Amino acid sequence: MLAAVCYPPRCPVCDGLLWVDERICGAECRNKLPEIDGPRCLRCSKPIENDEAEYCYDCERRQFHCERGYAIWRYDKVMSESIARFKYKGRREYAAFYSEELLRLAGDYIRRYAPEVFVPVPLHRKRMAARGYNQAELIAVRLERATGIPSIRLLRRIRNTLPQKELNDKDRMKNVGAAFALNERRLQSLGGIPDSVMLIDDIYTTGSTLEACAQVLKDAGVQRVLFLTLCIGRGF
């Protein structure tokens, strides 16, 4: 209680201070969140303009190791700033709100596909040391508490890649190629390869990072790889 008074958490939308008796996010700020409420791609969940289209442009022209994914918000200016603070400004407390919203808006998706484990997209050890936490893991652990589905560090990041936001689509694929490997020690604790995995990450843009993770999991024998993200870019 004293810590909450001395260091009150901040709103994940406006970054304003939240005092002890306040909700995790006020109604005014919640209304600014860009929920995906129109047609979306059946594979990656990107919003699409065409009501009759089943897949976005990317998913129509490419093959993916991820069978299906789901995102709850469009990646706009509000969410870009919010996630940047979450990842780079130490706003770990945002994870509580993010996971709450994932359960509210994507709960049916989680229950329908019922993965055996959540797998957060890993950070390289150097980036982890500099940042102090993995934002995807903070969310995955909270999802575990709410659902009982274990969050397992089943992947390792073995290459310290450039930030994806600095690259174009083609270079993003090259950047994360061979960047991930199976975490054999964690695998042993599971007693074997799970049949179904749901990757957890903050943003889906081109899908390069999630696809690189999914390929490692599929090569290891995982039958179904799904993903869940907070935000996703717009399709065509």
Protein backbone atom coordinates (compact mmCIF):
# COMPACT_ATOMS: atom_id res chain seq x y z
CA MET A 1 0.00 0.00 0.00
CA LEU A 2 2.82 2.43 0.90
CA ALA A 3 4.58 1.69 -2.39
CA ALA A 4 1.39 2.48 -4.30
CA VAL A 5 1.19 5.85 -2.55
CA CYS A 6 4.88 6.73 -3.00
CA TYR A 7 5.08 5.35 -6.54
CA PRO A 8 1.53 5.35 -7.94
CA PRO A 9 1.03 3.40 -11.17
CA ARG A 10 0.28 5.20 -14.40
CA CYS A 11 -2.57 4.92 -16.87
CA PRO A 12 -1.49 2.80 -19.85
CA VAL A 13 -3.28 5.14 -22.26
CA CYS A 14 -2.43 8.69 -21.13
CA ASP A 15 0.39 7.84 -18.67
CA GLY A 16 -1.25 9.96 -16.01
CA LEU A 17 -0.88 9.01 -12.35
CA LEU A 18 -3.37 6.52 -10.92
CA TRP A 19 -3.95 6.76 -7.19
CA VAL A 20 -4.95 3.97 -4.83
CA ASP A 21 -8.71 4.38 -5.28
CA GLU A 22 -8.62 4.69 -9.06
CA ARG A 23 -9.25 2.01 -11.65
CA ILE A 24 -6.46 0.69 -13.80
CA CYS A 25 -7.75 2.80 -16.69
CA GLY A 26 -10.47 5.44 -16.67
CA ALA A 27 -13.49 5.37 -18.98
CA GLU A 28 -12.32 8.45 -20.89
CA CYS A 29 -8.99 6.84 -21.70
CA ARG A 30 -10.52 3.45 -22.43
CA ASN A 31 -12.64 5.07 -25.14
CA LYS A 32 -9.45 6.09 -26.94
CA LEU A 33 -8.36 2.48 -27.42
CA PRO A 34 -8.57 1.38 -31.08
CA GLU A 35 -10.48 -1.89 -30.77
CA ILE A 36 -10.77 -4.00 -33.90
CA ASP A 37 -14.51 -4.08 -34.44
CA GLY A 38 -14.87 -4.57 -38.19
CA PRO A 39 -13.91 -7.36 -40.61
CA ARG A 40 -10.55 -8.95 -39.91
CA CYS A 41 -8.29 -11.49 -41.60
CA LEU A 42 -9.20 -15.03 -40.57
CA ARG A 43 -5.54 -16.00 -40.26
CA CYS A 44 -3.65 -13.07 -38.74
CA SER A 45 -6.51 -10.86 -37.45
CA LYS A 46 -5.53 -7.72 -39.37
CA PRO A 47 -8.42 -5.33 -40.01
CA ILE A 48 -9.39 -5.45 -43.67
CA GLU A 49 -11.53 -3.09 -45.73
CA ASN A 50 -13.31 -5.68 -47.87
CA ASP A 51 -16.25 -7.26 -46.02
CA GLU A 52 -16.22 -10.25 -48.36
CA ALA A 53 -12.49 -11.02 -48.14
CA GLU A 54 -11.40 -13.85 -45.83
CA TYR A 55 -7.69 -13.02 -45.72
CA CYS A 56 -5.56 -9.90 -45.86
CA TYR A 57 -3.15 -9.28 -48.74
CA ASP A 58 -0.17 -10.70 -46.81
CA CYS A 59 -1.91 -13.92 -45.84
CA GLU A 60 -3.23 -14.47 -49.37
CA ARG A 61 0.25 -14.41 -50.90
CA ARG A 62 2.37 -16.10 -48.20
CA GLN A 63 2.48 -19.39 -46.33
CA PHE A 64 2.84 -19.24 -42.56
CA HIS A 65 3.82 -21.69 -39.82
CA CYS A 66 1.37 -19.91 -37.49
CA GLU A 67 -2.05 -21.42 -38.07
CA ARG A 68 -4.05 -18.52 -36.67
CA GLY A 69 -3.64 -15.38 -34.60
CA TYR A 70 -5.63 -12.74 -32.80
CA ALA A 71 -5.03 -9.12 -31.87
CA ILE A 72 -7.30 -6.82 -29.89
CA TRP A 73 -6.22 -3.32 -30.99
CA ARG A 74 -5.12 -1.57 -34.14
CA TYR A 75 -1.58 -0.24 -33.96
CA ASP A 76 -2.24 3.50 -34.04
CA LYS A 77 -0.57 6.53 -32.42
CA VAL A 78 -2.19 5.89 -29.02
CA MET A 79 -1.01 2.29 -28.86
CA SER A 80 2.38 3.07 -30.38
CA GLU A 81 3.10 5.51 -27.56
CA SER A 82 1.63 3.22 -24.90
CA ILE A 83 3.66 0.18 -25.92
CA ALA A 84 6.83 2.26 -26.30
CA ARG A 85 6.49 3.33 -22.65
CA PHE A 86 5.74 -0.27 -21.63
CA LYS A 87 8.86 -1.57 -23.35
CA TYR A 88 11.38 1.23 -22.97
CA LYS A 89 10.27 3.43 -20.07
CA GLY A 90 9.85 0.82 -17.34
CA ARG A 91 6.05 0.88 -17.22
CA ARG A 92 5.73 -2.74 -16.10
CA GLU A 93 2.41 -1.97 -14.44
CA TYR A 94 0.80 -1.69 -17.86
CA ALA A 95 0.92 -5.49 -18.08
CA ALA A 96 -1.99 -5.76 -15.63
CA PHE A 97 -4.28 -3.73 -17.88
CA TYR A 98 -3.05 -5.31 -21.11
CA SER A 99 -3.67 -8.84 -19.83
CA GLU A 100 -7.08 -7.86 -18.46
CA GLU A 101 -8.07 -6.54 -21.87
CA LEU A 102 -6.72 -9.61 -23.66
CA LEU A 103 -8.89 -11.80 -21.46
CA ARG A 104 -11.93 -9.58 -22.01
CA LEU A 105 -11.61 -9.25 -25.77
CA ALA A 106 -9.77 -12.44 -26.74
CA GLY A 107 -11.01 -14.80 -24.02
CA ASP A 108 -13.23 -16.69 -26.46
CA TYR A 109 -10.28 -17.16 -28.82
CA ILE A 110 -8.11 -18.59 -26.01
CA ARG A 111 -10.86 -20.94 -24.84
CA ARG A 112 -11.71 -22.08 -28.36
CA TYR A 113 -8.17 -23.10 -29.29
CA ALA A 114 -7.14 -24.10 -25.75
CA PRO A 115 -3.33 -24.13 -26.13
CA GLU A 116 -1.31 -26.37 -23.85
CA VAL A 117 1.15 -23.55 -23.13
CA PHE A 118 1.66 -19.84 -23.63
CA VAL A 119 5.12 -19.04 -25.02
CA PRO A 120 6.29 -15.42 -24.77
CA VAL A 121 8.50 -14.23 -27.61
CA PRO A 122 11.95 -14.04 -25.98
CA LEU A 123 14.45 -11.20 -25.77
CA HIS A 124 18.16 -11.67 -26.28
CA ARG A 125 20.05 -11.81 -22.98
CA LYS A 126 21.81 -8.48 -23.70
CA ARG A 127 18.52 -6.69 -24.32
CA MET A 128 16.99 -8.41 -21.31
CA ALA A 129 19.85 -7.21 -19.12
CA ALA A 130 19.49 -3.65 -20.38
CA ARG A 131 15.69 -3.53 -20.08
CA GLY A 132 15.31 -5.65 -16.96
CA TYR A 133 12.22 -7.53 -18.15
CA ASN A 134 10.56 -9.12 -21.16
CA GLN A 135 7.29 -7.31 -21.85
CA ALA A 136 5.75 -10.35 -23.58
CA GLU A 137 6.54 -12.53 -20.58
CA LEU A 138 4.93 -10.07 -18.14
CA ILE A 139 1.70 -10.46 -20.10
CA ALA A 140 2.01 -14.24 -20.50
CA VAL A 141 2.51 -14.77 -16.76
CA ARG A 142 -0.65 -12.81 -15.98
CA LEU A 143 -2.56 -14.82 -18.57
CA GLU A 144 -1.31 -17.98 -16.86
CA ARG A 145 -2.64 -16.81 -13.49
CA ALA A 146 -6.06 -16.12 -14.97
CA THR A 147 -6.44 -19.20 -17.18
CA GLY A 148 -4.26 -21.89 -15.60
CA ILE A 149 -2.47 -22.38 -18.93
CA PRO A 150 1.26 -22.40 -18.09
CA SER A 151 3.59 -19.74 -19.46
CA ILE A 152 6.82 -21.44 -20.53
CA ARG A 153 10.04 -19.94 -21.89
CA LEU A 154 10.14 -22.56 -24.60
CA LEU A 155 12.25 -20.43 -26.95
CA ARG A 156 15.62 -18.68 -26.65
CA ARG A 157 16.79 -15.71 -28.69
CA ILE A 158 20.27 -16.65 -29.83
CA ARG A 159 20.97 -13.64 -32.06
CA ASN A 160 20.83 -10.06 -30.83
CA THR A 161 18.92 -8.72 -33.83
CA LEU A 162 18.27 -5.11 -34.77
CA PRO A 163 14.96 -3.61 -33.60
CA GLN A 164 12.36 -4.59 -36.19
CA LYS A 165 10.86 -1.09 -36.26
CA GLU A 166 14.03 0.18 -37.93
CA LEU A 167 13.73 -2.17 -40.94
CA ASN A 168 11.56 -2.62 -44.02
CA ASP A 169 9.48 -5.75 -44.63
CA LYS A 170 12.18 -7.65 -46.56
CA ASP A 171 14.94 -6.84 -44.09
CA ARG A 172 12.73 -7.82 -41.14
CA MET A 173 12.54 -11.39 -42.43
CA LYS A 174 16.33 -11.53 -42.85
CA ASN A 175 16.89 -9.93 -39.46
CA VAL A 176 15.07 -12.63 -37.47
CA GLY A 177 16.21 -15.57 -39.58
CA ALA A 178 17.87 -18.16 -37.31
CA ALA A 179 17.39 -15.78 -34.36
CA PHE A 180 15.52 -18.30 -32.19
CA ALA A 181 16.16 -21.77 -30.85
CA LEU A 182 14.36 -24.26 -28.65
CA ASN A 183 15.00 -23.94 -24.91
CA GLU A 184 15.95 -27.54 -24.19
CA ARG A 185 16.05 -27.07 -20.44
CA ARG A 186 12.48 -25.76 -20.34
CA LEU A 187 11.40 -28.49 -22.70
CA GLN A 188 12.63 -31.13 -20.26
CA SER A 189 10.50 -29.60 -17.50
CA LEU A 190 7.45 -30.05 -19.75
CA GLY A 191 8.24 -33.71 -20.34
CA GLY A 192 8.03 -33.40 -24.11
CA ILE A 193 6.93 -31.25 -27.02
CA PRO A 194 3.42 -29.82 -26.55
CA ASP A 195 0.92 -30.34 -29.34
CA SER A 196 -0.45 -26.79 -29.21
CA VAL A 197 1.34 -23.52 -28.42
CA MET A 198 0.13 -19.92 -28.30
CA LEU A 199 2.86 -17.34 -28.82
CA ILE A 200 2.46 -14.08 -26.88
CA ASP A 201 3.83 -10.77 -28.14
CA ASP A 202 2.98 -7.07 -28.08
CA ILE A 203 2.83 -6.10 -31.77
CA TYR A 204 2.24 -7.85 -35.09
CA THR A 205 3.34 -5.87 -38.13
CA THR A 206 4.74 -8.08 -40.88
CA GLY A 207 4.63 -11.18 -38.67
CA SER A 208 8.34 -11.88 -39.26
CA THR A 209 9.23 -12.39 -35.59
CA LEU A 210 6.26 -14.63 -34.83
CA GLU A 211 6.85 -16.61 -38.01
CA ALA A 212 10.50 -17.22 -37.08
CA CYS A 213 9.40 -18.45 -33.64
CA ALA A 214 6.68 -20.63 -35.14
CA GLN A 215 9.09 -22.27 -37.55
CA VAL A 216 11.36 -23.38 -34.69
CA LEU A 217 8.37 -24.80 -32.81
CA LYS A 218 6.97 -26.62 -35.84
CA ASP A 219 10.40 -28.07 -36.68
CA ALA A 220 10.55 -29.38 -33.11
CA GLY A 221 7.24 -31.21 -33.53
CA VAL A 222 4.57 -28.78 -32.30
CA GLN A 223 1.40 -29.55 -34.25
CA ARG A 224 -0.42 -26.24 -33.88
CA VAL A 225 1.13 -22.79 -33.39
CA LEU A 226 -1.18 -19.87 -32.66
CA PHE A 227 -0.45 -16.33 -31.55
CA LEU A 228 -2.00 -13.60 -29.44
CA THR A 229 -0.88 -9.97 -29.59
CA LEU A 230 -2.02 -6.65 -28.25
CA CYS A 231 -1.79 -4.75 -31.53
CA ILE A 232 -1.64 -5.34 -35.23
CA GLY A 233 -1.11 -3.16 -38.30
CA ARG A 234 -3.78 -2.59 -40.89
CA GLY A 235 -4.16 -4.93 -43.87
CA PHE A 236 -5.28 -4.12 -47.41
